[in-house]
Amino acid sequence: MEKIGIAGDFIVDSKLPGRERTDVLHLKCNLFKFVRQARKSNTMIAKSYFILFLGVLLFLSSCSTKKKVLTSNSHSSTGSVLTDSSSARGKTFSGSRLDNYANLLNVSTKKLNPQLYSFIDDWMGIPHRMGGQTKAGVDCSGFVNLLYSEVYKGNLPRTSRDMENIVKRKKTDKLEEGDLVFFSFGRNGVDHVGVYLHNNKFVHVSTRKGVIISDLSDSWYLKTFVDAGSPKI
């Protein structure tokens, strides 16, 4: 017996006639090529399945990140909303998210714009950052800009002072959900803005507590409040 290697070791009987030995060698070479081709095909099939799997995974991932609108069946992971309102002391928030907002604002869920509270819920607690407009940090006018763009599909000026210049002014007892409320914490006129909700409550970005719901009736906001109204967009 002699060993002949062609991309592998084949054993061929050296006693076979030359023609038969050549035929056996060709047969084994063809068999080897067939095996290699089969392995290559299996590899390509495996790669195709893998690419298909990745595609399905990415599709499902993108679906799961679609914006969810709050309903009476949407439950908060904490069962609470962030507020520093004095009128909310002692209140418990253990219902659905939308019910919690209705409880805080003392209104029926039917009076709430689900898209607005979905946006607020998504940004609740995001820290304050001057000039920021991302989840890493946002300032008061940046937050209001983002809210109006997503919820009301409108564009507002970038600063609170410029926003005040485009509102149709209203008295506080005439304010409606989505109106803007303005404050002056310094000596240079309007320097803070929030979005009115219901019953004197408004959402804004506190420099210490981030995105939060506060109350116009509380002393600090009562003495710094300067103006309110509906933006002309």
C-alpha atoms as a PDB file:
ATOM      1  CA  MET A   1       0.000   0.000   0.000  1.00  0.00           C
ATOM      2  CA  GLU A   2       1.278   3.497  -0.687  1.00  0.00           C
ATOM      3  CA  LYS A   3       0.029   6.871   0.572  1.00  0.00           C
ATOM      4  CA  ILE A   4      -0.694   9.656  -1.910  1.00  0.00           C
ATOM      5  CA  GLY A   5      -1.558  13.096  -0.491  1.00  0.00           C
ATOM      6  CA  ILE A   6      -3.769  15.490  -2.382  1.00  0.00           C
ATOM      7  CA  ALA A   7      -5.122  18.114  -0.002  1.00  0.00           C
ATOM      8  CA  GLY A   8      -5.348  15.208   2.406  1.00  0.00           C
ATOM      9  CA  ASP A   9      -4.058  11.655   2.755  1.00  0.00           C
ATOM     10  CA  PHE A  10      -5.544   8.891   0.658  1.00  0.00           C
ATOM     11  CA  ILE A  11      -4.541   5.252   0.830  1.00  0.00           C
ATOM     12  CA  VAL A  12      -4.250   3.565  -2.578  1.00  0.00           C
ATOM     13  CA  ASP A  13      -3.320  -0.039  -3.122  1.00  0.00           C
ATOM     14  CA  SER A  14       0.018   0.020  -4.996  1.00  0.00           C
ATOM     15  CA  LYS A  15      -0.712  -3.416  -6.462  1.00  0.00           C
ATOM     16  CA  LEU A  16      -3.609  -2.112  -8.543  1.00  0.00           C
ATOM     17  CA  PRO A  17      -2.962  -1.667 -12.238  1.00  0.00           C
ATOM     18  CA  GLY A  18      -1.946   1.825 -13.208  1.00  0.00           C
ATOM     19  CA  ARG A  19      -5.293   2.702 -14.879  1.00  0.00           C
ATOM     20  CA  GLU A  20      -7.399   1.432 -11.981  1.00  0.00           C
ATOM     21  CA  ARG A  21      -5.163   3.132  -9.467  1.00  0.00           C
ATOM     22  CA  THR A  22      -5.592   6.422 -11.384  1.00  0.00           C
ATOM     23  CA  ASP A  23      -9.386   5.946 -11.452  1.00  0.00           C
ATOM     24  CA  VAL A  24      -9.465   5.324  -7.698  1.00  0.00           C
ATOM     25  CA  LEU A  25      -7.348   8.415  -7.122  1.00  0.00           C
ATOM     26  CA  HIS A  26      -9.663  10.544  -9.283  1.00  0.00           C
ATOM     27  CA  LEU A  27     -12.698   9.157  -7.485  1.00  0.00           C
ATOM     28  CA  LYS A  28     -11.256  10.038  -4.094  1.00  0.00           C
ATOM     29  CA  CYS A  29     -10.208  13.500  -5.296  1.00  0.00           C
ATOM     30  CA  ASN A  30     -13.743  14.143  -6.548  1.00  0.00           C
ATOM     31  CA  LEU A  31     -15.156  12.883  -3.261  1.00  0.00           C
ATOM     32  CA  PHE A  32     -12.881  15.244  -1.349  1.00  0.00           C
ATOM     33  CA  LYS A  33     -13.980  18.178  -3.539  1.00  0.00           C
ATOM     34  CA  PHE A  34     -17.618  17.228  -2.962  1.00  0.00           C
ATOM     35  CA  VAL A  35     -17.123  17.189   0.816  1.00  0.00           C
ATOM     36  CA  ARG A  36     -15.400  20.571   0.704  1.00  0.00           C
ATOM     37  CA  GLN A  37     -18.221  22.026  -1.416  1.00  0.00           C
ATOM     38  CA  ALA A  38     -20.848  20.607   0.937  1.00  0.00           C
ATOM     39  CA  ARG A  39     -19.093  22.115   3.918  1.00  0.00           C
ATOM     40  CA  LYS A  40     -18.858  25.445   2.120  1.00  0.00           C
ATOM     41  CA  SER A  41     -22.575  25.328   1.266  1.00  0.00           C
ATOM     42  CA  ASN A  42     -23.477  24.502   4.868  1.00  0.00           C
ATOM     43  CA  THR A  43     -21.363  27.433   6.037  1.00  0.00           C
ATOM     44  CA  MET A  44     -23.161  29.789   3.639  1.00  0.00           C
ATOM     45  CA  ILE A  45     -26.547  28.494   4.787  1.00  0.00           C
ATOM     46  CA  ALA A  46     -25.542  28.968   8.414  1.00  0.00           C
ATOM     47  CA  LYS A  47     -24.419  32.533   7.646  1.00  0.00           C
ATOM     48  CA  SER A  48     -27.723  33.238   5.892  1.00  0.00           C
ATOM     49  CA  TYR A  49     -29.690  32.007   8.907  1.00  0.00           C
ATOM     50  CA  PHE A  50     -27.512  34.127  11.203  1.00  0.00           C
ATOM     51  CA  ILE A  51     -28.068  37.271   9.119  1.00  0.00           C
ATOM     52  CA  LEU A  52     -31.813  36.562   9.072  1.00  0.00           C
ATOM     53  CA  PHE A  53     -31.794  36.109  12.841  1.00  0.00           C
ATOM     54  CA  LEU A  54     -30.008  39.434  13.331  1.00  0.00           C
ATOM     55  CA  GLY A  55     -32.541  41.162  11.074  1.00  0.00           C
ATOM     56  CA  VAL A  56     -35.485  39.803  13.062  1.00  0.00           C
ATOM     57  CA  LEU A  57     -33.790  40.765  16.328  1.00  0.00           C
ATOM     58  CA  LEU A  58     -33.203  44.340  15.162  1.00  0.00           C
ATOM     59  CA  PHE A  59     -36.806  44.607  13.965  1.00  0.00           C
ATOM     60  CA  LEU A  60     -38.195  43.451  17.287  1.00  0.00           C
ATOM     61  CA  SER A  61     -35.845  45.810  19.116  1.00  0.00           C
ATOM     62  CA  SER A  62     -37.002  48.793  17.066  1.00  0.00           C
ATOM     63  CA  CYS A  63     -40.638  47.899  17.707  1.00  0.00           C
ATOM     64  CA  SER A  64     -40.083  47.768  21.460  1.00  0.00           C
ATOM     65  CA  THR A  65     -38.670  51.302  21.484  1.00  0.00           C
ATOM     66  CA  LYS A  66     -41.719  52.909  19.901  1.00  0.00           C
ATOM     67  CA  LYS A  67     -43.248  55.675  21.983  1.00  0.00           C
ATOM     68  CA  LYS A  68     -45.932  54.401  24.342  1.00  0.00           C
ATOM     69  CA  VAL A  69     -48.918  56.609  25.121  1.00  0.00           C
ATOM     70  CA  LEU A  70     -50.172  56.440  28.685  1.00  0.00           C
ATOM     71  CA  THR A  71     -53.560  54.893  29.309  1.00  0.00           C
ATOM     72  CA  SER A  72     -55.473  54.014  32.443  1.00  0.00           C
ATOM     73  CA  ASN A  73     -53.863  50.557  32.244  1.00  0.00           C
ATOM     74  CA  SER A  74     -50.247  51.790  32.031  1.00  0.00           C
ATOM     75  CA  HIS A  75     -48.631  51.124  35.375  1.00  0.00           C
ATOM     76  CA  SER A  76     -45.659  53.035  36.730  1.00  0.00           C
ATOM     77  CA  SER A  77     -42.685  51.046  37.967  1.00  0.00           C
ATOM     78  CA  THR A  78     -42.592  53.194  41.088  1.00  0.00           C
ATOM     79  CA  GLY A  79     -46.308  53.930  41.407  1.00  0.00           C
ATOM     80  CA  SER A  80     -45.542  57.639  41.852  1.00  0.00           C
ATOM     81  CA  VAL A  81     -44.996  60.933  40.056  1.00  0.00           C
ATOM     82  CA  LEU A  82     -42.435  63.569  41.008  1.00  0.00           C
ATOM     83  CA  THR A  83     -43.902  66.680  42.588  1.00  0.00           C
ATOM     84  CA  ASP A  84     -42.946  69.278  45.184  1.00  0.00           C
ATOM     85  CA  SER A  85     -46.482  70.657  45.410  1.00  0.00           C
ATOM     86  CA  SER A  86     -47.563  71.330  48.974  1.00  0.00           C
ATOM     87  CA  SER A  87     -51.113  70.242  48.084  1.00  0.00           C
ATOM     88  CA  ALA A  88     -49.797  66.780  47.191  1.00  0.00           C
ATOM     89  CA  ARG A  89     -48.427  66.050  50.659  1.00  0.00           C
ATOM     90  CA  GLY A  90     -49.945  62.908  52.048  1.00  0.00           C
ATOM     91  CA  LYS A  91     -51.241  61.745  48.677  1.00  0.00           C
ATOM     92  CA  THR A  92     -50.411  58.227  47.544  1.00  0.00           C
ATOM     93  CA  PHE A  93     -49.943  57.311  43.908  1.00  0.00           C
ATOM     94  CA  SER A  94     -50.566  53.605  43.476  1.00  0.00           C
ATOM     95  CA  GLY A  95     -52.831  53.453  40.442  1.00  0.00           C
ATOM     96  CA  SER A  96     -52.023  53.524  36.744  1.00  0.00           C
ATOM     97  CA  ARG A  97     -49.708  56.260  35.522  1.00  0.00           C
ATOM     98  CA  LEU A  98     -52.478  58.321  33.954  1.00  0.00           C
ATOM     99  CA  ASP A  99     -54.619  57.843  37.061  1.00  0.00           C
ATOM    100  CA  ASN A 100     -51.705  59.079  39.177  1.00  0.00           C
ATOM    101  CA  TYR A 101     -51.492  62.293  37.162  1.00  0.00           C
ATOM    102  CA  ALA A 102     -55.250  62.731  37.364  1.00  0.00           C
ATOM    103  CA  ASN A 103     -55.046  62.207  41.128  1.00  0.00           C
ATOM    104  CA  LEU A 104     -52.285  64.783  41.508  1.00  0.00           C
ATOM    105  CA  LEU A 105     -54.075  67.333  39.311  1.00  0.00           C
ATOM    106  CA  ASN A 106     -57.492  66.578  40.834  1.00  0.00           C
ATOM    107  CA  VAL A 107     -59.189  65.983  37.480  1.00  0.00           C
ATOM    108  CA  SER A 108     -60.692  63.095  35.550  1.00  0.00           C
ATOM    109  CA  THR A 109     -58.381  61.148  33.241  1.00  0.00           C
ATOM    110  CA  LYS A 110     -60.747  62.159  30.416  1.00  0.00           C
ATOM    111  CA  LYS A 111     -59.455  65.720  30.729  1.00  0.00           C
ATOM    112  CA  LEU A 112     -55.836  64.679  30.252  1.00  0.00           C
ATOM    113  CA  ASN A 113     -54.001  64.597  26.928  1.00  0.00           C
ATOM    114  CA  PRO A 114     -52.367  61.122  26.976  1.00  0.00           C
ATOM    115  CA  GLN A 115     -49.541  62.218  24.656  1.00  0.00           C
ATOM    116  CA  LEU A 116     -48.642  65.121  26.937  1.00  0.00           C
ATOM    117  CA  TYR A 117     -48.410  62.944  30.033  1.00  0.00           C
ATOM    118  CA  SER A 118     -46.517  60.252  28.160  1.00  0.00           C
ATOM    119  CA  PHE A 119     -43.924  62.886  27.303  1.00  0.00           C
ATOM    120  CA  ILE A 120     -43.819  64.192  30.878  1.00  0.00           C
ATOM    121  CA  ASP A 121     -43.586  60.643  32.231  1.00  0.00           C
ATOM    122  CA  ASP A 122     -40.697  59.901  29.883  1.00  0.00           C
ATOM    123  CA  TRP A 123     -38.739  62.980  31.014  1.00  0.00           C
ATOM    124  CA  MET A 124     -39.741  62.990  34.681  1.00  0.00           C
ATOM    125  CA  GLY A 125     -36.684  63.432  36.918  1.00  0.00           C
ATOM    126  CA  ILE A 126     -34.218  64.256  34.108  1.00  0.00           C
ATOM    127  CA  PRO A 127     -31.660  66.620  35.697  1.00  0.00           C
ATOM    128  CA  HIS A 128     -31.231  70.297  34.902  1.00  0.00           C
ATOM    129  CA  ARG A 129     -28.353  71.301  32.652  1.00  0.00           C
ATOM    130  CA  MET A 130     -27.957  74.834  31.305  1.00  0.00           C
ATOM    131  CA  GLY A 131     -28.268  74.786  27.522  1.00  0.00           C
ATOM    132  CA  GLY A 132     -29.097  71.073  27.534  1.00  0.00           C
ATOM    133  CA  GLN A 133     -31.770  69.436  25.445  1.00  0.00           C
ATOM    134  CA  THR A 134     -31.147  65.705  25.970  1.00  0.00           C
ATOM    135  CA  LYS A 135     -31.848  63.011  28.579  1.00  0.00           C
ATOM    136  CA  ALA A 136     -28.377  63.724  30.002  1.00  0.00           C
ATOM    137  CA  GLY A 137     -29.661  67.117  31.118  1.00  0.00           C
ATOM    138  CA  VAL A 138     -32.099  69.779  29.960  1.00  0.00           C
ATOM    139  CA  ASP A 139     -32.904  73.379  30.839  1.00  0.00           C
ATOM    140  CA  CYS A 140     -36.382  74.883  31.219  1.00  0.00           C
ATOM    141  CA  SER A 141     -36.792  76.331  27.722  1.00  0.00           C
ATOM    142  CA  GLY A 142     -35.150  73.298  26.106  1.00  0.00           C
ATOM    143  CA  PHE A 143     -37.677  71.025  27.818  1.00  0.00           C
ATOM    144  CA  VAL A 144     -40.626  73.189  26.732  1.00  0.00           C
ATOM    145  CA  ASN A 145     -39.266  73.269  23.170  1.00  0.00           C
ATOM    146  CA  LEU A 146     -39.052  69.479  23.038  1.00  0.00           C
ATOM    147  CA  LEU A 147     -42.499  69.075  24.589  1.00  0.00           C
ATOM    148  CA  TYR A 148     -44.163  71.421  22.102  1.00  0.00           C
ATOM    149  CA  SER A 149     -42.378  69.836  19.169  1.00  0.00           C
ATOM    150  CA  GLU A 150     -43.454  66.289  20.083  1.00  0.00           C
ATOM    151  CA  VAL A 151     -46.877  66.822  21.642  1.00  0.00           C
ATOM    152  CA  TYR A 152     -48.237  69.864  19.794  1.00  0.00           C
ATOM    153  CA  LYS A 153     -46.073  69.711  16.637  1.00  0.00           C
ATOM    154  CA  GLY A 154     -45.144  73.366  17.067  1.00  0.00           C
ATOM    155  CA  ASN A 155     -41.867  75.278  17.109  1.00  0.00           C
ATOM    156  CA  LEU A 156     -41.089  77.764  19.860  1.00  0.00           C
ATOM    157  CA  PRO A 157     -38.219  80.219  20.361  1.00  0.00           C
ATOM    158  CA  ARG A 158     -35.260  78.796  22.302  1.00  0.00           C
ATOM    159  CA  THR A 159     -35.324  81.114  25.323  1.00  0.00           C
ATOM    160  CA  SER A 160     -38.037  81.712  27.909  1.00  0.00           C
ATOM    161  CA  ARG A 161     -37.884  85.459  27.311  1.00  0.00           C
ATOM    162  CA  ASP A 162     -38.492  85.068  23.592  1.00  0.00           C
ATOM    163  CA  MET A 163     -41.303  82.606  24.304  1.00  0.00           C
ATOM    164  CA  GLU A 164     -43.061  85.202  26.412  1.00  0.00           C
ATOM    165  CA  ASN A 165     -43.017  87.580  23.455  1.00  0.00           C
ATOM    166  CA  ILE A 166     -45.169  85.263  21.318  1.00  0.00           C
ATOM    167  CA  VAL A 167     -47.920  84.309  23.772  1.00  0.00           C
ATOM    168  CA  LYS A 168     -51.471  85.538  23.957  1.00  0.00           C
ATOM    169  CA  ARG A 169     -51.596  86.576  27.584  1.00  0.00           C
ATOM    170  CA  LYS A 170     -54.119  85.085  29.988  1.00  0.00           C
ATOM    171  CA  LYS A 171     -55.045  85.417  33.640  1.00  0.00           C
ATOM    172  CA  THR A 172     -54.177  82.397  35.744  1.00  0.00           C
ATOM    173  CA  ASP A 173     -57.823  81.421  36.239  1.00  0.00           C
ATOM    174  CA  LYS A 174     -58.215  81.186  32.464  1.00  0.00           C
ATOM    175  CA  LEU A 175     -55.197  78.986  31.816  1.00  0.00           C
ATOM    176  CA  GLU A 176     -55.631  75.683  30.011  1.00  0.00           C
ATOM    177  CA  GLU A 177     -53.541  72.552  29.680  1.00  0.00           C
ATOM    178  CA  GLY A 178     -50.535  73.318  27.459  1.00  0.00           C
ATOM    179  CA  ASP A 179     -50.361  77.058  28.152  1.00  0.00           C
ATOM    180  CA  LEU A 180     -47.027  78.547  29.194  1.00  0.00           C
ATOM    181  CA  VAL A 181     -46.209  80.065  32.580  1.00  0.00           C
ATOM    182  CA  PHE A 182     -43.270  82.439  33.107  1.00  0.00           C
ATOM    183  CA  PHE A 183     -41.181  83.373  36.123  1.00  0.00           C
ATOM    184  CA  SER A 184     -38.406  85.760  37.066  1.00  0.00           C
ATOM    185  CA  PHE A 185     -35.937  84.348  39.574  1.00  0.00           C
ATOM    186  CA  GLY A 186     -33.471  87.182  39.093  1.00  0.00           C
ATOM    187  CA  ARG A 187     -33.553  90.888  38.271  1.00  0.00           C
ATOM    188  CA  ASN A 188     -33.418  90.697  34.508  1.00  0.00           C
ATOM    189  CA  GLY A 189     -37.002  89.858  33.636  1.00  0.00           C
ATOM    190  CA  VAL A 190     -38.301  86.451  32.528  1.00  0.00           C
ATOM    191  CA  ASP A 191     -35.741  83.694  33.015  1.00  0.00           C
ATOM    192  CA  HIS A 192     -37.857  80.573  33.584  1.00  0.00           C
ATOM    193  CA  VAL A 193     -40.756  78.826  31.812  1.00  0.00           C
ATOM    194  CA  GLY A 194     -43.027  75.854  32.428  1.00  0.00           C
ATOM    195  CA  VAL A 195     -46.107  74.214  30.891  1.00  0.00           C
ATOM    196  CA  TYR A 196     -49.438  74.605  32.651  1.00  0.00           C
ATOM    197  CA  LEU A 197     -51.421  71.429  33.423  1.00  0.00           C
ATOM    198  CA  HIS A 198     -54.502  71.758  35.648  1.00  0.00           C
ATOM    199  CA  ASN A 199     -55.531  73.399  38.923  1.00  0.00           C
ATOM    200  CA  ASN A 200     -52.414  75.593  39.249  1.00  0.00           C
ATOM    201  CA  LYS A 201     -50.038  72.697  38.595  1.00  0.00           C
ATOM    202  CA  PHE A 202     -47.342  73.018  35.948  1.00  0.00           C
ATOM    203  CA  VAL A 203     -44.421  70.939  34.739  1.00  0.00           C
ATOM    204  CA  HIS A 204     -40.968  72.462  34.432  1.00  0.00           C
ATOM    205  CA  VAL A 205     -37.272  71.840  35.055  1.00  0.00           C
ATOM    206  CA  SER A 206     -36.138  72.650  38.569  1.00  0.00           C
ATOM    207  CA  THR A 207     -32.433  73.465  38.895  1.00  0.00           C
ATOM    208  CA  ARG A 208     -32.220  71.146  41.923  1.00  0.00           C
ATOM    209  CA  LYS A 209     -34.812  68.461  41.222  1.00  0.00           C
ATOM    210  CA  GLY A 210     -34.932  68.257  37.431  1.00  0.00           C
ATOM    211  CA  VAL A 211     -38.209  67.726  35.550  1.00  0.00           C
ATOM    212  CA  ILE A 212     -40.970  67.934  38.129  1.00  0.00           C
ATOM    213  CA  ILE A 213     -44.560  69.067  38.659  1.00  0.00           C
ATOM    214  CA  SER A 214     -44.972  72.137  40.896  1.00  0.00           C
ATOM    215  CA  ASP A 215     -47.780  74.409  42.067  1.00  0.00           C
ATOM    216  CA  LEU A 216     -48.285  78.086  41.180  1.00  0.00           C
ATOM    217  CA  SER A 217     -49.976  78.552  44.555  1.00  0.00           C
ATOM    218  CA  ASP A 218     -46.861  77.641  46.546  1.00  0.00           C
ATOM    219  CA  SER A 219     -45.086  80.682  47.950  1.00  0.00           C
ATOM    220  CA  TRP A 220     -41.855  80.488  45.933  1.00  0.00           C
ATOM    221  CA  TYR A 221     -43.620  80.263  42.580  1.00  0.00           C
ATOM    222  CA  LEU A 222     -46.351  82.672  43.612  1.00  0.00           C
ATOM    223  CA  LYS A 223     -43.847  85.458  44.273  1.00  0.00           C
ATOM    224  CA  THR A 224     -41.724  84.798  41.183  1.00  0.00           C
ATOM    225  CA  PHE A 225     -44.586  84.281  38.699  1.00  0.00           C
ATOM    226  CA  VAL A 226     -44.774  87.105  36.126  1.00  0.00           C
ATOM    227  CA  ASP A 227     -46.838  86.057  33.105  1.00  0.00           C
ATOM    228  CA  ALA A 228     -48.770  83.316  31.311  1.00  0.00           C
ATOM    229  CA  GLY A 229     -50.541  82.621  28.062  1.00  0.00           C
ATOM    230  CA  SER A 230     -51.038  80.535  24.933  1.00  0.00           C
ATOM    231  CA  PRO A 231     -48.183  80.534  22.411  1.00  0.00           C
ATOM    232  CA  LYS A 232     -49.048  81.711  18.899  1.00  0.00           C
ATOM    233  CA  ILE A 233     -47.863  78.780  16.812  1.00  0.00           C
END
